[in-house]
Amino acid sequence: MQTFSASLRDAGISAELANTLNALAIAGKDINFRLQQGSIGGVLGSAGNENVQGETQKKLDVISNDLLKEILLGCGSVRAIASEEEDSYVAGPDSGQYLVNFDPLDGSSNIDINAMVGTIFSIYPFNGGELSEQSFLQKGRDQVAAGYILYGPSTMLVLSTGNGVQMYTLDPAIGEFVLTVEQVSIDADTKEFAINMSNQRFWAEPMQQYITDLLQGSEGPRGKNFNMRWVAAMVGDVHRVLCRGGLFTYPWDNREPGKAGKLRLMYEANPMSLLIEQAGGESWTDKERILDIQPTAIHQRVPVILGSASEVKNCLKYHGIDG
């Protein structure tokens, strides 16, 4: 089996990008070790702080963020990082060629119940000039690599460098990620969807009607039965879509009408959208393709509809969009 580092050497990417990706893999292995310790390592529970998003931080949110920041900024290829847990970007050495956005521990509310969580990352070129927040505000199509590390029954690293999507599994015997799926392909049609149904009363009417029609099954206008799945961690729900198709959505809702959505464009929606599109799926807001959005802020939020191409298009029709 081919190791992650060997696979990167064969991928035709620059040595600097490979170095950045290897740094992410090292950090992921360290985070995985701490997760496996659980209560033994004293890493469970709240850190007693809120992040810039106004969300309560878990101890492992802080630990994972610090690990990633230290390893990435120390690898020599990263000019700066931006994280869900940081108020603004954090600069590194002047020589770095890449900007890395990350959600250090997506789904961290699952930690205390020993359920799936993950690290999501997105890599952009640093285009020179004076480093500022504007340096990060590049469209999703400008990503040179994106992926996630899923901490579950097995630990997996899922990656795209613009040539499809590959999956690697951590082999505990050798302490390395090894290639286990060479090319991921998402079926266009599906009978599965993932959404937080507890928010149904807050959604806009098009999404309410779409989900209502799915739930009516074979007796409804869709004429087939659908199953609903919800991991409560985007990384887990998107991994299921990549493995067996489906639709994942976190739509706009009216609880905080001034916010465009729940998920963050730069370190959740963009990297996942690149993976989904590289595997043959579609990824949209309720108005436009996510990868075409011009960001206006590092912590910008968007609604998300992604997954099997035909089903995403069906959902978009309810929103008046011919995808």
C-alpha atoms as a PDB file:
ATOM      1  CA  MET A   1       0.000   0.000   0.000  1.00  0.00           C
ATOM      2  CA  GLN A   2       1.171   3.494  -0.835  1.00  0.00           C
ATOM      3  CA  THR A   3       1.790   5.871   2.050  1.00  0.00           C
ATOM      4  CA  PHE A   4       0.465   9.430   2.060  1.00  0.00           C
ATOM      5  CA  SER A   5       3.894  11.009   1.644  1.00  0.00           C
ATOM      6  CA  ALA A   6       4.770   8.656  -1.233  1.00  0.00           C
ATOM      7  CA  SER A   7       1.447   9.407  -2.886  1.00  0.00           C
ATOM      8  CA  LEU A   8       2.158  13.135  -2.718  1.00  0.00           C
ATOM      9  CA  ARG A   9       5.515  12.599  -4.419  1.00  0.00           C
ATOM     10  CA  ASP A  10       3.690  10.904  -7.310  1.00  0.00           C
ATOM     11  CA  ALA A  11       0.954  13.538  -7.532  1.00  0.00           C
ATOM     12  CA  GLY A  12       2.938  16.110  -9.489  1.00  0.00           C
ATOM     13  CA  ILE A  13       2.505  18.848  -6.881  1.00  0.00           C
ATOM     14  CA  SER A  14       5.202  21.198  -5.641  1.00  0.00           C
ATOM     15  CA  ALA A  15       7.522  20.187  -2.812  1.00  0.00           C
ATOM     16  CA  GLU A  16       6.197  23.127  -0.778  1.00  0.00           C
ATOM     17  CA  LEU A  17       2.583  22.003  -1.127  1.00  0.00           C
ATOM     18  CA  ALA A  18       3.535  18.421  -0.262  1.00  0.00           C
ATOM     19  CA  ASN A  19       5.348  19.744   2.803  1.00  0.00           C
ATOM     20  CA  THR A  20       2.229  21.646   3.887  1.00  0.00           C
ATOM     21  CA  LEU A  21       0.025  18.585   3.438  1.00  0.00           C
ATOM     22  CA  ASN A  22       2.480  16.395   5.351  1.00  0.00           C
ATOM     23  CA  ALA A  23       2.371  18.941   8.182  1.00  0.00           C
ATOM     24  CA  LEU A  24      -1.429  18.649   8.260  1.00  0.00           C
ATOM     25  CA  ALA A  25      -1.141  14.847   8.386  1.00  0.00           C
ATOM     26  CA  ILE A  26       1.298  15.063  11.317  1.00  0.00           C
ATOM     27  CA  ALA A  27      -1.051  17.373  13.203  1.00  0.00           C
ATOM     28  CA  GLY A  28      -3.964  15.062  12.481  1.00  0.00           C
ATOM     29  CA  LYS A  29      -2.123  12.082  13.946  1.00  0.00           C
ATOM     30  CA  ASP A  30      -1.399  14.074  17.094  1.00  0.00           C
ATOM     31  CA  ILE A  31      -5.034  15.184  17.432  1.00  0.00           C
ATOM     32  CA  ASN A  32      -6.140  11.596  16.852  1.00  0.00           C
ATOM     33  CA  PHE A  33      -3.893  10.399  19.697  1.00  0.00           C
ATOM     34  CA  ARG A  34      -5.363  12.935  22.100  1.00  0.00           C
ATOM     35  CA  LEU A  35      -8.916  12.039  21.082  1.00  0.00           C
ATOM     36  CA  GLN A  36      -8.205   8.364  21.726  1.00  0.00           C
ATOM     37  CA  GLN A  37      -7.058   9.204  25.255  1.00  0.00           C
ATOM     38  CA  GLY A  38     -10.456  10.761  26.042  1.00  0.00           C
ATOM     39  CA  SER A  39     -11.080  11.072  29.755  1.00  0.00           C
ATOM     40  CA  ILE A  40      -7.726   9.445  30.506  1.00  0.00           C
ATOM     41  CA  GLY A  41      -5.934  12.424  28.964  1.00  0.00           C
ATOM     42  CA  GLY A  42      -8.136  15.022  30.636  1.00  0.00           C
ATOM     43  CA  VAL A  43      -9.080  16.593  27.298  1.00  0.00           C
ATOM     44  CA  LEU A  44     -12.873  16.346  27.498  1.00  0.00           C
ATOM     45  CA  GLY A  45     -15.274  19.089  28.521  1.00  0.00           C
ATOM     46  CA  SER A  46     -15.497  22.842  28.066  1.00  0.00           C
ATOM     47  CA  ALA A  47     -12.505  25.167  28.022  1.00  0.00           C
ATOM     48  CA  GLY A  48     -14.674  27.851  29.626  1.00  0.00           C
ATOM     49  CA  ASN A  49     -14.204  30.319  26.758  1.00  0.00           C
ATOM     50  CA  GLU A  50     -16.055  31.476  23.657  1.00  0.00           C
ATOM     51  CA  ASN A  51     -14.442  31.755  20.228  1.00  0.00           C
ATOM     52  CA  VAL A  52     -14.882  34.634  17.812  1.00  0.00           C
ATOM     53  CA  GLN A  53     -18.064  32.962  16.583  1.00  0.00           C
ATOM     54  CA  GLY A  54     -19.631  33.251  20.045  1.00  0.00           C
ATOM     55  CA  GLU A  55     -19.521  29.469  20.504  1.00  0.00           C
ATOM     56  CA  THR A  56     -18.349  27.718  23.652  1.00  0.00           C
ATOM     57  CA  GLN A  57     -14.942  26.164  23.085  1.00  0.00           C
ATOM     58  CA  LYS A  58     -14.193  22.594  24.076  1.00  0.00           C
ATOM     59  CA  LYS A  59     -10.770  21.815  25.535  1.00  0.00           C
ATOM     60  CA  LEU A  60      -9.918  19.859  22.403  1.00  0.00           C
ATOM     61  CA  ASP A  61     -10.975  22.798  20.202  1.00  0.00           C
ATOM     62  CA  VAL A  62      -8.211  24.828  21.802  1.00  0.00           C
ATOM     63  CA  ILE A  63      -5.675  21.984  21.847  1.00  0.00           C
ATOM     64  CA  SER A  64      -6.316  21.093  18.196  1.00  0.00           C
ATOM     65  CA  ASN A  65      -6.141  24.715  17.100  1.00  0.00           C
ATOM     66  CA  ASP A  66      -2.826  25.261  18.886  1.00  0.00           C
ATOM     67  CA  LEU A  67      -1.349  22.049  17.453  1.00  0.00           C
ATOM     68  CA  LEU A  68      -2.295  22.917  13.891  1.00  0.00           C
ATOM     69  CA  LYS A  69      -1.110  26.495  14.243  1.00  0.00           C
ATOM     70  CA  GLU A  70       2.265  25.482  15.665  1.00  0.00           C
ATOM     71  CA  ILE A  71       2.953  22.690  13.168  1.00  0.00           C
ATOM     72  CA  LEU A  72       1.775  24.599  10.089  1.00  0.00           C
ATOM     73  CA  LEU A  73       3.551  27.849  10.890  1.00  0.00           C
ATOM     74  CA  GLY A  74       6.683  25.872  11.732  1.00  0.00           C
ATOM     75  CA  CYS A  75       6.811  23.802   8.541  1.00  0.00           C
ATOM     76  CA  GLY A  76       8.356  26.609   6.459  1.00  0.00           C
ATOM     77  CA  SER A  77       5.793  26.529   3.630  1.00  0.00           C
ATOM     78  CA  VAL A  78       2.903  28.401   5.268  1.00  0.00           C
ATOM     79  CA  ARG A  79       2.816  32.200   5.259  1.00  0.00           C
ATOM     80  CA  ALA A  80      -0.230  32.497   7.531  1.00  0.00           C
ATOM     81  CA  ILE A  81      -3.234  30.595   8.872  1.00  0.00           C
ATOM     82  CA  ALA A  82      -6.863  31.447   9.590  1.00  0.00           C
ATOM     83  CA  SER A  83      -8.965  29.360  11.954  1.00  0.00           C
ATOM     84  CA  GLU A  84     -12.481  29.178  13.316  1.00  0.00           C
ATOM     85  CA  GLU A  85     -10.927  29.586  16.756  1.00  0.00           C
ATOM     86  CA  GLU A  86      -8.865  32.704  15.959  1.00  0.00           C
ATOM     87  CA  ASP A  87     -10.160  36.285  15.858  1.00  0.00           C
ATOM     88  CA  SER A  88      -8.028  37.060  12.791  1.00  0.00           C
ATOM     89  CA  TYR A  89      -5.313  35.467  10.690  1.00  0.00           C
ATOM     90  CA  VAL A  90      -1.994  34.497  12.301  1.00  0.00           C
ATOM     91  CA  ALA A  91       1.206  35.224  10.378  1.00  0.00           C
ATOM     92  CA  GLY A  92       4.150  32.874  10.090  1.00  0.00           C
ATOM     93  CA  PRO A  93       7.549  33.090   8.384  1.00  0.00           C
ATOM     94  CA  ASP A  94       7.913  35.595   5.567  1.00  0.00           C
ATOM     95  CA  SER A  95       9.055  32.823   3.230  1.00  0.00           C
ATOM     96  CA  GLY A  96       5.866  30.735   3.253  1.00  0.00           C
ATOM     97  CA  GLN A  97       4.036  30.267  -0.050  1.00  0.00           C
ATOM     98  CA  TYR A  98       0.637  29.134   1.205  1.00  0.00           C
ATOM     99  CA  LEU A  99      -2.296  30.318   3.274  1.00  0.00           C
ATOM    100  CA  VAL A 100      -4.144  27.638   5.236  1.00  0.00           C
ATOM    101  CA  ASN A 101      -7.699  27.947   6.566  1.00  0.00           C
ATOM    102  CA  PHE A 102      -8.966  25.302   8.974  1.00  0.00           C
ATOM    103  CA  ASP A 103     -11.690  24.220  11.328  1.00  0.00           C
ATOM    104  CA  PRO A 104      -9.511  22.422  13.887  1.00  0.00           C
ATOM    105  CA  LEU A 105     -12.243  20.178  15.286  1.00  0.00           C
ATOM    106  CA  ASP A 106     -15.514  20.194  13.389  1.00  0.00           C
ATOM    107  CA  GLY A 107     -18.402  18.702  15.346  1.00  0.00           C
ATOM    108  CA  SER A 108     -16.707  19.231  18.705  1.00  0.00           C
ATOM    109  CA  SER A 109     -20.066  18.924  20.497  1.00  0.00           C
ATOM    110  CA  ASN A 110     -19.687  15.200  19.701  1.00  0.00           C
ATOM    111  CA  ILE A 111     -16.454  14.839  21.685  1.00  0.00           C
ATOM    112  CA  ASP A 112     -18.006  14.142  25.051  1.00  0.00           C
ATOM    113  CA  ILE A 113     -20.201  11.344  23.631  1.00  0.00           C
ATOM    114  CA  ASN A 114     -17.312   9.717  21.715  1.00  0.00           C
ATOM    115  CA  ALA A 115     -18.850  10.362  18.287  1.00  0.00           C
ATOM    116  CA  MET A 116     -17.260  11.409  14.999  1.00  0.00           C
ATOM    117  CA  VAL A 117     -15.362  14.693  14.694  1.00  0.00           C
ATOM    118  CA  GLY A 118     -12.835  15.957  12.179  1.00  0.00           C
ATOM    119  CA  THR A 119     -10.355  18.578  11.001  1.00  0.00           C
ATOM    120  CA  ILE A 120     -11.255  20.463   7.802  1.00  0.00           C
ATOM    121  CA  PHE A 121      -8.569  22.353   5.867  1.00  0.00           C
ATOM    122  CA  SER A 122      -8.218  24.534   2.802  1.00  0.00           C
ATOM    123  CA  ILE A 123      -4.980  25.717   1.144  1.00  0.00           C
ATOM    124  CA  TYR A 124      -4.590  28.809  -1.038  1.00  0.00           C
ATOM    125  CA  PRO A 125      -1.556  30.404  -2.675  1.00  0.00           C
ATOM    126  CA  PHE A 126      -0.099  33.483  -1.040  1.00  0.00           C
ATOM    127  CA  ASN A 127      -0.028  35.896  -3.946  1.00  0.00           C
ATOM    128  CA  GLY A 128       2.577  38.229  -2.521  1.00  0.00           C
ATOM    129  CA  GLY A 129       2.427  41.821  -1.405  1.00  0.00           C
ATOM    130  CA  GLU A 130       1.648  42.898   2.131  1.00  0.00           C
ATOM    131  CA  LEU A 131      -0.057  40.186   4.166  1.00  0.00           C
ATOM    132  CA  SER A 132      -3.567  41.170   5.279  1.00  0.00           C
ATOM    133  CA  GLU A 133      -7.028  39.683   5.651  1.00  0.00           C
ATOM    134  CA  GLN A 134      -7.520  40.523   1.988  1.00  0.00           C
ATOM    135  CA  SER A 135      -4.815  37.968   1.144  1.00  0.00           C
ATOM    136  CA  PHE A 136      -7.190  35.233   2.325  1.00  0.00           C
ATOM    137  CA  LEU A 137     -10.279  36.451   0.477  1.00  0.00           C
ATOM    138  CA  GLN A 138      -9.905  34.254  -2.586  1.00  0.00           C
ATOM    139  CA  LYS A 139     -12.669  32.308  -4.296  1.00  0.00           C
ATOM    140  CA  GLY A 140     -12.998  28.620  -3.543  1.00  0.00           C
ATOM    141  CA  ARG A 141     -11.894  27.798  -7.078  1.00  0.00           C
ATOM    142  CA  ASP A 142      -8.492  29.249  -6.200  1.00  0.00           C
ATOM    143  CA  GLN A 143      -7.816  26.491  -3.651  1.00  0.00           C
ATOM    144  CA  VAL A 144      -4.739  24.436  -4.496  1.00  0.00           C
ATOM    145  CA  ALA A 145      -5.783  21.683  -2.072  1.00  0.00           C
ATOM    146  CA  ALA A 146      -8.534  20.921   0.398  1.00  0.00           C
ATOM    147  CA  GLY A 147      -9.602  18.057   2.579  1.00  0.00           C
ATOM    148  CA  TYR A 148     -10.356  16.768   6.024  1.00  0.00           C
ATOM    149  CA  ILE A 149      -9.182  14.287   8.607  1.00  0.00           C
ATOM    150  CA  LEU A 150     -12.013  12.189  10.036  1.00  0.00           C
ATOM    151  CA  TYR A 151     -11.575  10.782  13.546  1.00  0.00           C
ATOM    152  CA  GLY A 152     -13.924   7.804  13.707  1.00  0.00           C
ATOM    153  CA  PRO A 153     -13.697   4.024  14.106  1.00  0.00           C
ATOM    154  CA  SER A 154     -10.754   4.414  11.738  1.00  0.00           C
ATOM    155  CA  THR A 155      -8.943   7.686  11.128  1.00  0.00           C
ATOM    156  CA  MET A 156      -9.069   8.858   7.508  1.00  0.00           C
ATOM    157  CA  LEU A 157      -7.534  11.696   5.521  1.00  0.00           C
ATOM    158  CA  VAL A 158      -9.552  12.754   2.468  1.00  0.00           C
ATOM    159  CA  LEU A 159      -7.839  15.064  -0.019  1.00  0.00           C
ATOM    160  CA  SER A 160      -8.098  16.791  -3.358  1.00  0.00           C
ATOM    161  CA  THR A 161      -5.277  18.683  -5.047  1.00  0.00           C
ATOM    162  CA  GLY A 162      -7.463  19.303  -8.099  1.00  0.00           C
ATOM    163  CA  ASN A 163      -7.102  15.828  -9.604  1.00  0.00           C
ATOM    164  CA  GLY A 164     -10.063  13.992  -8.123  1.00  0.00           C
ATOM    165  CA  VAL A 165     -10.477  12.915  -4.497  1.00  0.00           C
ATOM    166  CA  GLN A 166      -8.351  10.348  -2.672  1.00  0.00           C
ATOM    167  CA  MET A 167      -8.944   8.662   0.687  1.00  0.00           C
ATOM    168  CA  TYR A 168      -6.204   7.540   3.066  1.00  0.00           C
ATOM    169  CA  THR A 169      -6.572   5.458   6.220  1.00  0.00           C
ATOM    170  CA  LEU A 170      -4.264   5.688   9.227  1.00  0.00           C
ATOM    171  CA  ASP A 171      -2.483   2.364   9.741  1.00  0.00           C
ATOM    172  CA  PRO A 172      -1.710   2.131  13.485  1.00  0.00           C
ATOM    173  CA  ALA A 173       0.910  -0.538  12.836  1.00  0.00           C
ATOM    174  CA  ILE A 174       3.168   1.869  10.938  1.00  0.00           C
ATOM    175  CA  GLY A 175       1.786   5.207  12.127  1.00  0.00           C
ATOM    176  CA  GLU A 176       1.179   6.390   8.558  1.00  0.00           C
ATOM    177  CA  PHE A 177      -1.798   7.208   6.358  1.00  0.00           C
ATOM    178  CA  VAL A 178      -2.014   4.787   3.427  1.00  0.00           C
ATOM    179  CA  LEU A 179      -3.978   5.161   0.193  1.00  0.00           C
ATOM    180  CA  THR A 180      -7.216   3.142   0.344  1.00  0.00           C
ATOM    181  CA  VAL A 181      -9.445   4.803  -2.311  1.00  0.00           C
ATOM    182  CA  GLU A 182      -7.731   6.142  -5.426  1.00  0.00           C
ATOM    183  CA  GLN A 183     -10.669   8.045  -6.944  1.00  0.00           C
ATOM    184  CA  VAL A 184     -13.942   8.901  -5.190  1.00  0.00           C
ATOM    185  CA  SER A 185     -17.070   9.164  -7.329  1.00  0.00           C
ATOM    186  CA  ILE A 186     -20.483  10.303  -6.092  1.00  0.00           C
ATOM    187  CA  ASP A 187     -23.563   8.764  -7.718  1.00  0.00           C
ATOM    188  CA  ALA A 188     -25.791  11.415  -9.305  1.00  0.00           C
ATOM    189  CA  ASP A 189     -28.983   9.992  -7.785  1.00  0.00           C
ATOM    190  CA  THR A 190     -29.695   9.217  -4.157  1.00  0.00           C
ATOM    191  CA  LYS A 191     -32.351   8.316  -1.602  1.00  0.00           C
ATOM    192  CA  GLU A 192     -30.571   9.828   1.406  1.00  0.00           C
ATOM    193  CA  PHE A 193     -30.467  13.323   2.812  1.00  0.00           C
ATOM    194  CA  ALA A 194     -28.922  14.945   5.884  1.00  0.00           C
ATOM    195  CA  ILE A 195     -30.400  17.969   7.635  1.00  0.00           C
ATOM    196  CA  ASN A 196     -31.045  19.116  11.210  1.00  0.00           C
ATOM    197  CA  MET A 197     -34.815  18.570  11.321  1.00  0.00           C
ATOM    198  CA  SER A 198     -35.157  20.349  14.667  1.00  0.00           C
ATOM    199  CA  ASN A 199     -34.770  23.642  12.771  1.00  0.00           C
ATOM    200  CA  GLN A 200     -37.522  22.947  10.247  1.00  0.00           C
ATOM    201  CA  ARG A 201     -39.872  25.672  11.488  1.00  0.00           C
ATOM    202  CA  PHE A 202     -37.153  28.298  10.945  1.00  0.00           C
ATOM    203  CA  TRP A 203     -36.288  27.491   7.315  1.00  0.00           C
ATOM    204  CA  ALA A 204     -37.337  29.546   4.309  1.00  0.00           C
ATOM    205  CA  GLU A 205     -40.419  28.239   2.500  1.00  0.00           C
ATOM    206  CA  PRO A 206     -38.567  26.618  -0.460  1.00  0.00           C
ATOM    207  CA  MET A 207     -36.486  24.406   1.837  1.00  0.00           C
ATOM    208  CA  GLN A 208     -39.527  23.581   3.979  1.00  0.00           C
ATOM    209  CA  GLN A 209     -41.417  22.432   0.895  1.00  0.00           C
ATOM    210  CA  TYR A 210     -38.471  20.443  -0.456  1.00  0.00           C
ATOM    211  CA  ILE A 211     -38.008  18.482   2.767  1.00  0.00           C
ATOM    212  CA  THR A 212     -41.779  17.996   3.142  1.00  0.00           C
ATOM    213  CA  ASP A 213     -41.876  16.394  -0.307  1.00  0.00           C
ATOM    214  CA  LEU A 214     -38.940  14.103   0.558  1.00  0.00           C
ATOM    215  CA  LEU A 215     -40.669  12.963   3.733  1.00  0.00           C
ATOM    216  CA  GLN A 216     -43.834  12.030   1.844  1.00  0.00           C
ATOM    217  CA  GLY A 217     -41.828   9.282   0.185  1.00  0.00           C
ATOM    218  CA  SER A 218     -43.318   7.133  -2.554  1.00  0.00           C
ATOM    219  CA  GLU A 219     -46.790   8.582  -1.934  1.00  0.00           C
ATOM    220  CA  GLY A 220     -45.548  12.146  -2.486  1.00  0.00           C
ATOM    221  CA  PRO A 221     -44.507  14.134  -5.568  1.00  0.00           C
ATOM    222  CA  ARG A 222     -40.979  12.612  -5.589  1.00  0.00           C
ATOM    223  CA  GLY A 223     -42.366   9.102  -5.951  1.00  0.00           C
ATOM    224  CA  LYS A 224     -39.682   7.350  -3.894  1.00  0.00           C
ATOM    225  CA  ASN A 225     -38.761   6.811  -0.253  1.00  0.00           C
ATOM    226  CA  PHE A 226     -35.884   8.742   1.294  1.00  0.00           C
ATOM    227  CA  ASN A 227     -33.835   8.008   4.415  1.00  0.00           C
ATOM    228  CA  MET A 228     -32.558  10.801   6.661  1.00  0.00           C
ATOM    229  CA  ARG A 229     -29.120  10.665   8.312  1.00  0.00           C
ATOM    230  CA  TRP A 230     -27.558  13.271  10.616  1.00  0.00           C
ATOM    231  CA  VAL A 231     -24.157  12.986  12.304  1.00  0.00           C
ATOM    232  CA  ALA A 232     -24.196  16.560  13.726  1.00  0.00           C
ATOM    233  CA  ALA A 233     -20.700  17.111  12.336  1.00  0.00           C
ATOM    234  CA  MET A 234     -20.346  18.371   8.770  1.00  0.00           C
ATOM    235  CA  VAL A 235     -17.208  16.300   8.312  1.00  0.00           C
ATOM    236  CA  GLY A 236     -19.101  13.082   9.090  1.00  0.00           C
ATOM    237  CA  ASP A 237     -22.116  13.916   6.938  1.00  0.00           C
ATOM    238  CA  VAL A 238     -19.969  14.928   3.957  1.00  0.00           C
ATOM    239  CA  HIS A 239     -17.851  11.782   4.349  1.00  0.00           C
ATOM    240  CA  ARG A 240     -21.011   9.685   4.052  1.00  0.00           C
ATOM    241  CA  VAL A 241     -21.975  11.590   0.890  1.00  0.00           C
ATOM    242  CA  LEU A 242     -18.535  10.937  -0.621  1.00  0.00           C
ATOM    243  CA  CYS A 243     -18.758   7.243   0.272  1.00  0.00           C
ATOM    244  CA  ARG A 244     -22.309   6.462  -0.870  1.00  0.00           C
ATOM    245  CA  GLY A 245     -23.962   9.575  -2.245  1.00  0.00           C
ATOM    246  CA  GLY A 246     -26.688  11.686  -0.689  1.00  0.00           C
ATOM    247  CA  LEU A 247     -27.557  15.311  -0.072  1.00  0.00           C
ATOM    248  CA  PHE A 248     -26.289  17.393   2.851  1.00  0.00           C
ATOM    249  CA  THR A 249     -27.757  20.795   3.596  1.00  0.00           C
ATOM    250  CA  TYR A 250     -27.485  23.387   6.317  1.00  0.00           C
ATOM    251  CA  PRO A 251     -29.868  26.053   5.028  1.00  0.00           C
ATOM    252  CA  TRP A 252     -30.479  29.640   6.056  1.00  0.00           C
ATOM    253  CA  ASP A 253     -32.968  30.004   8.889  1.00  0.00           C
ATOM    254  CA  ASN A 254     -34.700  32.955  10.506  1.00  0.00           C
ATOM    255  CA  ARG A 255     -33.444  32.562  14.078  1.00  0.00           C
ATOM    256  CA  GLU A 256     -30.701  35.059  13.246  1.00  0.00           C
ATOM    257  CA  PRO A 257     -31.940  36.529   9.965  1.00  0.00           C
ATOM    258  CA  GLY A 258     -28.935  38.854   9.651  1.00  0.00           C
ATOM    259  CA  LYS A 259     -26.606  35.858   9.250  1.00  0.00           C
ATOM    260  CA  ALA A 260     -26.412  34.413   5.758  1.00  0.00           C
ATOM    261  CA  GLY A 261     -26.079  30.880   7.093  1.00  0.00           C
ATOM    262  CA  LYS A 262     -24.570  28.634   9.755  1.00  0.00           C
ATOM    263  CA  LEU A 263     -21.465  27.229   8.068  1.00  0.00           C
ATOM    264  CA  ARG A 264     -18.275  29.191   7.396  1.00  0.00           C
ATOM    265  CA  LEU A 265     -17.334  29.765   3.787  1.00  0.00           C
ATOM    266  CA  MET A 266     -13.559  29.769   4.092  1.00  0.00           C
ATOM    267  CA  TYR A 267     -12.886  26.737   6.271  1.00  0.00           C
ATOM    268  CA  GLU A 268     -16.005  24.593   5.915  1.00  0.00           C
ATOM    269  CA  ALA A 269     -18.046  25.296   2.773  1.00  0.00           C
ATOM    270  CA  ASN A 270     -15.194  25.961   0.321  1.00  0.00           C
ATOM    271  CA  PRO A 271     -13.013  22.933   1.141  1.00  0.00           C
ATOM    272  CA  MET A 272     -15.994  20.568   1.226  1.00  0.00           C
ATOM    273  CA  SER A 273     -17.313  22.035  -2.019  1.00  0.00           C
ATOM    274  CA  LEU A 274     -14.011  21.385  -3.773  1.00  0.00           C
ATOM    275  CA  LEU A 275     -14.092  17.749  -2.639  1.00  0.00           C
ATOM    276  CA  ILE A 276     -17.706  17.299  -3.682  1.00  0.00           C
ATOM    277  CA  GLU A 277     -17.211  18.828  -7.133  1.00  0.00           C
ATOM    278  CA  GLN A 278     -13.981  16.904  -7.701  1.00  0.00           C
ATOM    279  CA  ALA A 279     -15.939  13.702  -6.956  1.00  0.00           C
ATOM    280  CA  GLY A 280     -18.668  14.582  -9.470  1.00  0.00           C
ATOM    281  CA  GLY A 281     -21.193  16.217  -7.147  1.00  0.00           C
ATOM    282  CA  GLU A 282     -22.628  19.739  -6.879  1.00  0.00           C
ATOM    283  CA  SER A 283     -22.298  22.363  -4.148  1.00  0.00           C
ATOM    284  CA  TRP A 284     -24.446  25.494  -3.926  1.00  0.00           C
ATOM    285  CA  THR A 285     -25.956  28.020  -1.604  1.00  0.00           C
ATOM    286  CA  ASP A 286     -29.642  28.736  -2.251  1.00  0.00           C
ATOM    287  CA  LYS A 287     -28.504  31.246  -4.901  1.00  0.00           C
ATOM    288  CA  GLU A 288     -25.093  30.379  -6.413  1.00  0.00           C
ATOM    289  CA  ARG A 289     -22.245  27.909  -6.657  1.00  0.00           C
ATOM    290  CA  ILE A 290     -20.206  28.052  -3.478  1.00  0.00           C
ATOM    291  CA  LEU A 291     -16.834  27.905  -5.232  1.00  0.00           C
ATOM    292  CA  ASP A 292     -17.747  31.034  -7.244  1.00  0.00           C
ATOM    293  CA  ILE A 293     -18.432  33.232  -4.202  1.00  0.00           C
ATOM    294  CA  GLN A 294     -16.102  36.199  -3.725  1.00  0.00           C
ATOM    295  CA  PRO A 295     -15.430  36.224   0.052  1.00  0.00           C
ATOM    296  CA  THR A 296     -15.765  39.469   1.985  1.00  0.00           C
ATOM    297  CA  ALA A 297     -14.523  38.282   5.411  1.00  0.00           C
ATOM    298  CA  ILE A 298     -12.550  35.390   6.882  1.00  0.00           C
ATOM    299  CA  HIS A 299     -15.457  34.305   9.086  1.00  0.00           C
ATOM    300  CA  GLN A 300     -18.163  34.766   6.449  1.00  0.00           C
ATOM    301  CA  ARG A 301     -21.105  32.347   6.659  1.00  0.00           C
ATOM    302  CA  VAL A 302     -23.182  30.779   3.896  1.00  0.00           C
ATOM    303  CA  PRO A 303     -26.064  28.321   3.505  1.00  0.00           C
ATOM    304  CA  VAL A 304     -24.956  24.999   2.014  1.00  0.00           C
ATOM    305  CA  ILE A 305     -26.620  22.469  -0.299  1.00  0.00           C
ATOM    306  CA  LEU A 306     -24.221  19.792  -1.573  1.00  0.00           C
ATOM    307  CA  GLY A 307     -23.990  16.183  -2.673  1.00  0.00           C
ATOM    308  CA  SER A 308     -25.336  13.979  -5.455  1.00  0.00           C
ATOM    309  CA  ALA A 309     -25.682  16.168  -8.552  1.00  0.00           C
ATOM    310  CA  SER A 310     -29.244  15.271  -9.548  1.00  0.00           C
ATOM    311  CA  GLU A 311     -30.605  15.703  -6.038  1.00  0.00           C
ATOM    312  CA  VAL A 312     -28.874  19.040  -5.503  1.00  0.00           C
ATOM    313  CA  LYS A 313     -30.470  20.229  -8.741  1.00  0.00           C
ATOM    314  CA  ASN A 314     -33.866  19.009  -7.539  1.00  0.00           C
ATOM    315  CA  CYS A 315     -33.440  21.036  -4.349  1.00  0.00           C
ATOM    316  CA  LEU A 316     -32.361  24.128  -6.303  1.00  0.00           C
ATOM    317  CA  LYS A 317     -35.525  23.987  -8.418  1.00  0.00           C
ATOM    318  CA  TYR A 318     -37.551  24.633  -5.254  1.00  0.00           C
ATOM    319  CA  HIS A 319     -35.466  27.805  -4.856  1.00  0.00           C
ATOM    320  CA  GLY A 320     -36.170  28.900  -8.422  1.00  0.00           C
ATOM    321  CA  ILE A 321     -32.712  27.983  -9.725  1.00  0.00           C
ATOM    322  CA  ASP A 322     -32.060  25.854 -12.776  1.00  0.00           C
ATOM    323  CA  GLY A 323     -28.740  24.351 -11.664  1.00  0.00           C
END
